[in-house]
Structure formats: C-alpha cells, structure tokens
N, C-alpha and C. Protein backbone atom coordinates (compact mmCIF):
# COMPACT_ATOMS: atom_id res chain seq x y z
N MET A 1 113.97 106.90 151.67
CA MET A 1 114.38 107.91 150.70
C MET A 1 114.91 107.25 149.42
N GLU A 2 115.67 106.19 149.57
CA GLU A 2 116.21 105.49 148.41
C GLU A 2 115.09 104.98 147.51
N LYS A 3 114.00 104.50 148.11
CA LYS A 3 112.88 103.97 147.35
C LYS A 3 112.26 105.03 146.44
N LYS A 4 112.13 106.25 146.94
CA LYS A 4 111.55 107.34 146.15
C LYS A 4 112.41 107.62 144.92
N GLN A 5 113.73 107.64 145.08
CA GLN A 5 114.62 107.85 143.94
C GLN A 5 114.46 106.73 142.92
N ASN A 6 114.32 105.51 143.41
CA ASN A 6 114.15 104.36 142.55
C ASN A 6 112.89 104.50 141.70
N PHE A 7 111.78 104.90 142.33
CA PHE A 7 110.54 105.11 141.58
C PHE A 7 110.74 106.19 140.54
N SER A 8 111.46 107.23 140.90
CA SER A 8 111.71 108.33 139.97
C SER A 8 112.52 107.84 138.77
N ARG A 9 113.52 107.02 139.02
CA ARG A 9 114.35 106.48 137.92
C ARG A 9 113.50 105.58 137.02
N LYS A 10 112.63 104.80 137.62
CA LYS A 10 111.76 103.92 136.83
C LYS A 10 110.81 104.76 135.97
N ARG A 11 110.23 105.77 136.56
CA ARG A 11 109.30 106.64 135.83
C ARG A 11 110.02 107.29 134.65
N GLU A 12 111.22 107.78 134.91
CA GLU A 12 112.02 108.40 133.85
C GLU A 12 112.35 107.39 132.75
N ALA A 13 112.70 106.17 133.14
CA ALA A 13 113.04 105.13 132.17
C ALA A 13 111.82 104.75 131.33
N ILE A 14 110.65 104.71 131.94
CA ILE A 14 109.42 104.39 131.20
C ILE A 14 109.18 105.45 130.12
N LEU A 15 109.30 106.71 130.50
CA LEU A 15 109.08 107.78 129.54
C LEU A 15 110.14 107.78 128.45
N GLU A 16 111.40 107.59 128.82
CA GLU A 16 112.48 107.57 127.83
C GLU A 16 112.32 106.40 126.86
N THR A 17 111.85 105.27 127.35
CA THR A 17 111.61 104.11 126.48
C THR A 17 110.53 104.44 125.46
N LEU A 18 109.48 105.10 125.90
CA LEU A 18 108.42 105.52 124.97
C LEU A 18 108.94 106.51 123.94
N LYS A 19 109.74 107.47 124.39
CA LYS A 19 110.26 108.49 123.48
C LYS A 19 111.23 107.91 122.46
N ALA A 20 111.88 106.81 122.81
CA ALA A 20 112.91 106.23 121.95
C ALA A 20 112.37 105.32 120.86
N THR A 21 111.07 105.06 120.86
CA THR A 21 110.50 104.15 119.86
C THR A 21 109.41 104.84 119.05
N LYS A 22 109.25 104.37 117.84
CA LYS A 22 108.16 104.86 116.98
C LYS A 22 107.12 103.77 116.77
N THR A 23 107.20 102.70 117.56
CA THR A 23 106.32 101.55 117.36
C THR A 23 104.98 101.66 118.05
N HIS A 24 104.76 102.71 118.84
CA HIS A 24 103.51 102.87 119.57
C HIS A 24 103.24 101.63 120.42
N PRO A 25 104.10 101.41 121.42
CA PRO A 25 104.08 100.15 122.16
C PRO A 25 102.94 100.02 123.15
N THR A 26 102.78 98.80 123.63
CA THR A 26 101.86 98.49 124.71
C THR A 26 102.61 98.63 126.04
N ALA A 27 101.87 98.63 127.13
CA ALA A 27 102.50 98.66 128.46
C ALA A 27 103.38 97.42 128.65
N GLU A 28 102.90 96.29 128.16
CA GLU A 28 103.66 95.05 128.29
C GLU A 28 105.00 95.14 127.58
N TRP A 29 105.04 95.76 126.39
CA TRP A 29 106.28 95.91 125.64
C TRP A 29 107.26 96.78 126.42
N VAL A 30 106.77 97.89 126.97
CA VAL A 30 107.62 98.79 127.77
C VAL A 30 108.18 98.01 128.96
N TYR A 31 107.33 97.25 129.62
CA TYR A 31 107.74 96.44 130.77
C TYR A 31 108.86 95.47 130.37
N GLU A 32 108.69 94.75 129.27
CA GLU A 32 109.69 93.78 128.81
C GLU A 32 111.02 94.45 128.47
N GLN A 33 110.97 95.66 127.93
CA GLN A 33 112.20 96.38 127.59
C GLN A 33 112.97 96.78 128.84
N LEU A 34 112.24 97.15 129.89
CA LEU A 34 112.88 97.69 131.10
C LEU A 34 113.19 96.65 132.17
N LYS A 35 112.56 95.51 132.13
CA LYS A 35 112.73 94.49 133.18
C LYS A 35 114.19 94.10 133.40
N PRO A 36 115.01 93.92 132.35
CA PRO A 36 116.41 93.57 132.60
C PRO A 36 117.17 94.64 133.41
N SER A 37 116.85 95.89 133.20
CA SER A 37 117.53 96.98 133.92
C SER A 37 116.93 97.23 135.30
N PHE A 38 115.66 96.88 135.46
CA PHE A 38 114.95 97.10 136.73
C PHE A 38 114.26 95.78 137.13
N PRO A 39 115.01 94.84 137.70
CA PRO A 39 114.44 93.52 138.02
C PRO A 39 113.22 93.57 138.93
N ASP A 40 113.11 94.62 139.76
CA ASP A 40 111.96 94.71 140.66
C ASP A 40 110.80 95.50 140.07
N LEU A 41 110.90 95.86 138.80
CA LEU A 41 109.82 96.59 138.13
C LEU A 41 108.61 95.68 137.97
N SER A 42 107.43 96.22 138.24
CA SER A 42 106.20 95.44 138.04
C SER A 42 105.41 96.03 136.88
N LEU A 43 104.59 95.21 136.28
CA LEU A 43 103.72 95.67 135.19
C LEU A 43 102.77 96.74 135.72
N GLY A 44 102.33 96.59 136.96
CA GLY A 44 101.46 97.59 137.58
C GLY A 44 102.12 98.95 137.66
N THR A 45 103.41 98.98 137.96
CA THR A 45 104.16 100.25 138.01
C THR A 45 104.17 100.90 136.64
N VAL A 46 104.36 100.09 135.61
CA VAL A 46 104.36 100.63 134.24
C VAL A 46 102.99 101.22 133.93
N TYR A 47 101.91 100.48 134.20
CA TYR A 47 100.56 100.98 133.94
C TYR A 47 100.26 102.26 134.72
N ARG A 48 100.63 102.29 136.00
CA ARG A 48 100.37 103.50 136.81
C ARG A 48 101.09 104.71 136.25
N ASN A 49 102.34 104.53 135.84
CA ASN A 49 103.10 105.65 135.31
C ASN A 49 102.59 106.08 133.94
N LEU A 50 102.20 105.14 133.11
CA LEU A 50 101.60 105.50 131.82
C LEU A 50 100.32 106.29 132.05
N GLY A 51 99.52 105.87 133.02
CA GLY A 51 98.30 106.61 133.37
C GLY A 51 98.62 108.03 133.82
N ARG A 52 99.65 108.17 134.63
CA ARG A 52 100.07 109.49 135.09
C ARG A 52 100.52 110.36 133.91
N PHE A 53 101.31 109.78 133.01
CA PHE A 53 101.78 110.53 131.84
C PHE A 53 100.62 110.95 130.94
N LYS A 54 99.63 110.05 130.77
CA LYS A 54 98.45 110.40 129.97
C LYS A 54 97.68 111.54 130.62
N LYS A 55 97.50 111.45 131.92
CA LYS A 55 96.73 112.47 132.63
C LYS A 55 97.36 113.85 132.53
N ASN A 56 98.70 113.91 132.57
CA ASN A 56 99.35 115.22 132.49
C ASN A 56 99.71 115.62 131.06
N GLY A 57 99.32 114.81 130.06
CA GLY A 57 99.51 115.19 128.66
C GLY A 57 100.89 114.93 128.10
N THR A 58 101.72 114.17 128.81
CA THR A 58 103.07 113.86 128.34
C THR A 58 103.03 112.83 127.22
N ILE A 59 102.04 111.93 127.27
CA ILE A 59 101.86 110.91 126.24
C ILE A 59 100.37 110.84 125.89
N ILE A 60 100.07 110.13 124.81
CA ILE A 60 98.68 109.90 124.43
C ILE A 60 98.47 108.41 124.17
N THR A 61 97.22 107.99 124.24
CA THR A 61 96.84 106.67 123.77
C THR A 61 96.41 106.85 122.32
N VAL A 62 97.01 106.09 121.45
CA VAL A 62 96.73 106.21 120.02
C VAL A 62 95.50 105.39 119.65
N ALA A 63 95.49 104.15 120.10
CA ALA A 63 94.41 103.24 119.73
C ALA A 63 94.44 102.05 120.68
N VAL A 64 93.38 101.28 120.65
CA VAL A 64 93.36 100.00 121.34
C VAL A 64 93.41 98.94 120.25
N VAL A 65 94.46 98.13 120.27
CA VAL A 65 94.66 97.10 119.25
C VAL A 65 94.70 95.75 119.97
N ASN A 66 93.83 94.85 119.56
CA ASN A 66 93.73 93.53 120.19
C ASN A 66 93.58 93.65 121.71
N GLY A 67 92.78 94.61 122.14
CA GLY A 67 92.49 94.78 123.56
C GLY A 67 93.56 95.49 124.37
N GLN A 68 94.62 95.96 123.73
CA GLN A 68 95.71 96.62 124.45
C GLN A 68 95.89 98.05 123.97
N GLU A 69 96.01 98.97 124.93
CA GLU A 69 96.27 100.36 124.57
C GLU A 69 97.65 100.47 123.95
N ARG A 70 97.76 101.32 122.93
CA ARG A 70 99.04 101.61 122.30
C ARG A 70 99.35 103.08 122.58
N TYR A 71 100.58 103.35 122.98
CA TYR A 71 100.97 104.67 123.49
C TYR A 71 101.91 105.39 122.53
N ASP A 72 101.89 106.73 122.61
CA ASP A 72 102.74 107.58 121.78
C ASP A 72 103.25 108.73 122.64
N ALA A 73 104.57 108.92 122.64
CA ALA A 73 105.16 110.04 123.38
C ALA A 73 105.23 111.29 122.50
N ASP A 74 104.90 111.14 121.22
CA ASP A 74 104.86 112.30 120.32
C ASP A 74 103.46 112.90 120.39
N VAL A 75 103.34 114.00 121.12
CA VAL A 75 102.03 114.62 121.30
C VAL A 75 101.81 115.79 120.34
N SER A 76 102.72 115.95 119.36
CA SER A 76 102.53 116.99 118.35
C SER A 76 101.35 116.60 117.46
N PRO A 77 100.73 117.58 116.79
CA PRO A 77 99.58 117.26 115.93
C PRO A 77 99.97 116.31 114.79
N HIS A 78 99.44 115.13 114.81
CA HIS A 78 99.60 114.17 113.72
C HIS A 78 98.54 113.09 113.89
N SER A 79 98.35 112.31 112.85
CA SER A 79 97.34 111.26 112.86
C SER A 79 98.02 109.90 112.83
N HIS A 80 97.22 108.86 112.84
CA HIS A 80 97.75 107.50 112.86
C HIS A 80 96.99 106.59 111.92
N PHE A 81 97.67 105.52 111.52
CA PHE A 81 97.07 104.45 110.73
C PHE A 81 97.26 103.17 111.52
N VAL A 82 96.19 102.40 111.71
CA VAL A 82 96.26 101.12 112.42
C VAL A 82 95.93 100.01 111.43
N CYS A 83 96.85 99.07 111.29
CA CYS A 83 96.60 97.92 110.43
C CYS A 83 95.66 96.96 111.15
N THR A 84 94.57 96.65 110.50
CA THR A 84 93.56 95.77 111.11
C THR A 84 93.96 94.30 111.05
N HIS A 85 95.05 94.01 110.34
CA HIS A 85 95.50 92.62 110.25
C HIS A 85 96.63 92.32 111.24
N CYS A 86 97.72 93.10 111.18
CA CYS A 86 98.88 92.81 112.03
C CYS A 86 98.96 93.70 113.27
N GLY A 87 98.16 94.76 113.33
CA GLY A 87 98.15 95.64 114.50
C GLY A 87 99.20 96.73 114.49
N ALA A 88 99.95 96.86 113.41
CA ALA A 88 100.96 97.93 113.33
C ALA A 88 100.27 99.29 113.45
N VAL A 89 100.93 100.21 114.14
CA VAL A 89 100.42 101.58 114.27
C VAL A 89 101.48 102.49 113.67
N LEU A 90 101.09 103.26 112.66
CA LEU A 90 102.02 104.11 111.93
C LEU A 90 101.63 105.57 112.07
N ASP A 91 102.65 106.44 112.16
CA ASP A 91 102.41 107.88 112.20
C ASP A 91 102.08 108.40 110.81
N ILE A 92 101.17 109.35 110.75
CA ILE A 92 100.87 110.09 109.53
C ILE A 92 101.17 111.54 109.88
N ASN A 93 102.24 112.06 109.34
CA ASN A 93 102.67 113.40 109.72
C ASN A 93 101.96 114.48 108.93
N MET A 94 100.64 114.46 109.05
CA MET A 94 99.78 115.47 108.46
C MET A 94 98.74 115.83 109.50
N GLU A 95 98.36 117.06 109.53
CA GLU A 95 97.28 117.47 110.42
C GLU A 95 96.03 117.64 109.58
N PHE A 96 95.04 116.78 109.80
CA PHE A 96 93.83 116.80 108.99
C PHE A 96 92.82 117.81 109.50
N LEU A 97 92.85 118.09 110.78
CA LEU A 97 91.99 119.10 111.38
C LEU A 97 92.88 120.07 112.13
N GLY A 98 92.68 121.35 111.91
CA GLY A 98 93.48 122.35 112.59
C GLY A 98 92.72 122.99 113.74
N PRO A 99 93.36 123.95 114.40
CA PRO A 99 92.74 124.65 115.53
C PRO A 99 91.41 125.30 115.17
N GLU A 100 91.30 125.78 113.92
CA GLU A 100 90.04 126.42 113.51
C GLU A 100 88.89 125.41 113.49
N ASP A 101 89.21 124.14 113.19
CA ASP A 101 88.18 123.11 113.20
C ASP A 101 87.73 122.80 114.62
N SER A 102 88.66 122.78 115.56
CA SER A 102 88.31 122.57 116.97
C SER A 102 87.41 123.69 117.45
N ALA A 103 87.72 124.92 117.07
CA ALA A 103 86.90 126.07 117.46
C ALA A 103 85.50 125.95 116.85
N LYS A 104 85.43 125.49 115.60
CA LYS A 104 84.14 125.33 114.92
C LYS A 104 83.28 124.28 115.63
N VAL A 105 83.89 123.16 116.00
CA VAL A 105 83.17 122.10 116.72
C VAL A 105 82.73 122.61 118.09
N SER A 106 83.59 123.36 118.75
CA SER A 106 83.23 123.94 120.06
C SER A 106 81.99 124.80 119.95
N ARG A 107 81.97 125.67 118.92
CA ARG A 107 80.81 126.55 118.72
C ARG A 107 79.56 125.74 118.38
N MET A 108 79.72 124.77 117.51
CA MET A 108 78.59 123.96 117.05
C MET A 108 77.93 123.20 118.21
N LEU A 109 78.74 122.66 119.11
CA LEU A 109 78.22 121.85 120.21
C LEU A 109 78.05 122.62 121.51
N GLY A 110 78.55 123.85 121.55
CA GLY A 110 78.54 124.59 122.80
C GLY A 110 79.45 123.93 123.83
N ALA A 111 80.48 123.26 123.35
CA ALA A 111 81.40 122.51 124.21
C ALA A 111 82.79 123.12 124.12
N LYS A 112 83.68 122.64 124.93
CA LYS A 112 85.07 123.07 124.87
C LYS A 112 85.91 121.88 124.40
N VAL A 113 86.34 121.92 123.15
CA VAL A 113 87.17 120.85 122.60
C VAL A 113 88.58 121.03 123.15
N GLU A 114 89.10 119.99 123.78
CA GLU A 114 90.46 120.05 124.33
C GLU A 114 91.47 119.37 123.42
N SER A 115 91.03 118.36 122.68
CA SER A 115 91.92 117.67 121.76
C SER A 115 91.08 116.84 120.79
N HIS A 116 91.74 116.34 119.77
CA HIS A 116 91.08 115.42 118.85
C HIS A 116 92.13 114.49 118.26
N GLN A 117 91.69 113.34 117.78
CA GLN A 117 92.57 112.38 117.14
C GLN A 117 91.88 111.82 115.91
N ILE A 118 92.67 111.60 114.89
CA ILE A 118 92.15 110.93 113.70
C ILE A 118 92.97 109.65 113.53
N VAL A 119 92.28 108.52 113.45
CA VAL A 119 92.93 107.23 113.27
C VAL A 119 92.33 106.56 112.04
N PHE A 120 93.17 106.29 111.06
CA PHE A 120 92.76 105.56 109.87
C PHE A 120 92.99 104.08 110.14
N ARG A 121 92.13 103.23 109.61
CA ARG A 121 92.26 101.79 109.80
C ARG A 121 92.18 101.09 108.45
N GLY A 122 92.94 100.04 108.31
CA GLY A 122 92.96 99.27 107.07
C GLY A 122 94.15 98.33 107.08
N LEU A 123 94.60 97.92 105.90
CA LEU A 123 95.75 97.03 105.79
C LEU A 123 97.00 97.83 105.48
N CYS A 124 98.07 97.59 106.25
CA CYS A 124 99.34 98.24 105.97
C CYS A 124 99.88 97.69 104.65
N ALA A 125 100.92 98.29 104.12
CA ALA A 125 101.47 97.88 102.82
C ALA A 125 101.88 96.40 102.82
N ALA A 126 102.54 95.95 103.88
CA ALA A 126 102.99 94.56 103.94
C ALA A 126 101.81 93.59 103.97
N CYS A 127 100.81 93.89 104.77
CA CYS A 127 99.64 93.01 104.86
C CYS A 127 98.82 93.04 103.58
N ALA A 128 98.72 94.21 102.96
CA ALA A 128 97.98 94.32 101.69
C ALA A 128 98.67 93.49 100.62
N ALA A 129 100.01 93.54 100.59
CA ALA A 129 100.77 92.76 99.60
C ALA A 129 100.61 91.27 99.88
N GLU A 130 100.65 90.88 101.15
CA GLU A 130 100.48 89.48 101.52
C GLU A 130 99.09 88.99 101.14
N CYS A 131 98.10 89.82 101.37
CA CYS A 131 96.72 89.48 101.04
C CYS A 131 96.57 89.30 99.53
N LYS A 132 97.20 90.19 98.77
CA LYS A 132 97.13 90.13 97.31
C LYS A 132 97.83 88.87 96.80
N THR A 133 98.98 88.54 97.41
CA THR A 133 99.72 87.34 97.03
C THR A 133 98.90 86.09 97.33
N ASN A 134 98.27 86.05 98.50
CA ASN A 134 97.46 84.89 98.88
C ASN A 134 96.24 84.72 97.99
N GLN A 135 95.69 85.82 97.51
CA GLN A 135 94.53 85.74 96.62
C GLN A 135 94.92 85.20 95.26
N GLY A 136 96.15 85.51 94.84
CA GLY A 136 96.63 85.05 93.54
C GLY A 136 97.11 83.61 93.55
N ALA A 137 97.32 83.05 94.74
CA ALA A 137 97.87 81.69 94.84
C ALA A 137 96.82 80.62 94.66
C-alpha cells in the first residue's frame, strides 16, 4: 500500500514540476529536478507518467528538439516558437487558428479534428543577435 502512495506522490510531483516552469522541459530535465526529493525515482517512471499525462490531455508535446520531446502543461490555445540554434521553446500567446478553422478542416477532409498545433521555427532574439554580431566580426 505504501508503494502505491509513493507512485502517486511522484506522479503529482512530475505534473507540478511541469506546471511550475515555462521552459517546456524534456523528461530528463524533469527527472533531474525531482531526483533529489525522490532518490528512487527512475527516468522510466518520468517517461511513463508523461505518457499518461499526454494520453489524458493534461499535458502536450510541443516539439521534438535535438531528438527530445519538449512538454507543456499549459494546454490552453496558444502557439510556440522553437529556436533552431539553441533549442529554446517560447510561448506565443495568440491563437492563429480558431474552432471555426478546425470545423472547416473537418468538413474539407471528412475527418474529425481533435486538436491542432502551430510551431514557428527560426532564431530566437538572443541567437539572432549573436549571429549578427558574429557576421560583423
């Protein structure tokens, strides 16, 4: 019985860690944050719980950056920007497509659209400035 409570506390801590950051972390980052508080936590436990949260819609995968999924606990309608140089993932608090667009796509394809994501890619402000500085040097 104690083990079940422990898993529940770990699951709760994983979700709270995601909710507390705006960095769109990887599973490895979540694991590193929680390991000091949960010495017996495994990376596999983090991945399994993230998978469970994704499946039930509690979190989303924003993008895959350098081969690693990046997660977001903010499931409200918004878009993202991914820096192709440093891998930063930033929120864009604008909805580019609304519910009417999902309905239009559903009709057009004869499909049932359940969700959509828009991800912009390019250089973040810091990387763009660094690139500009390096070009001028």
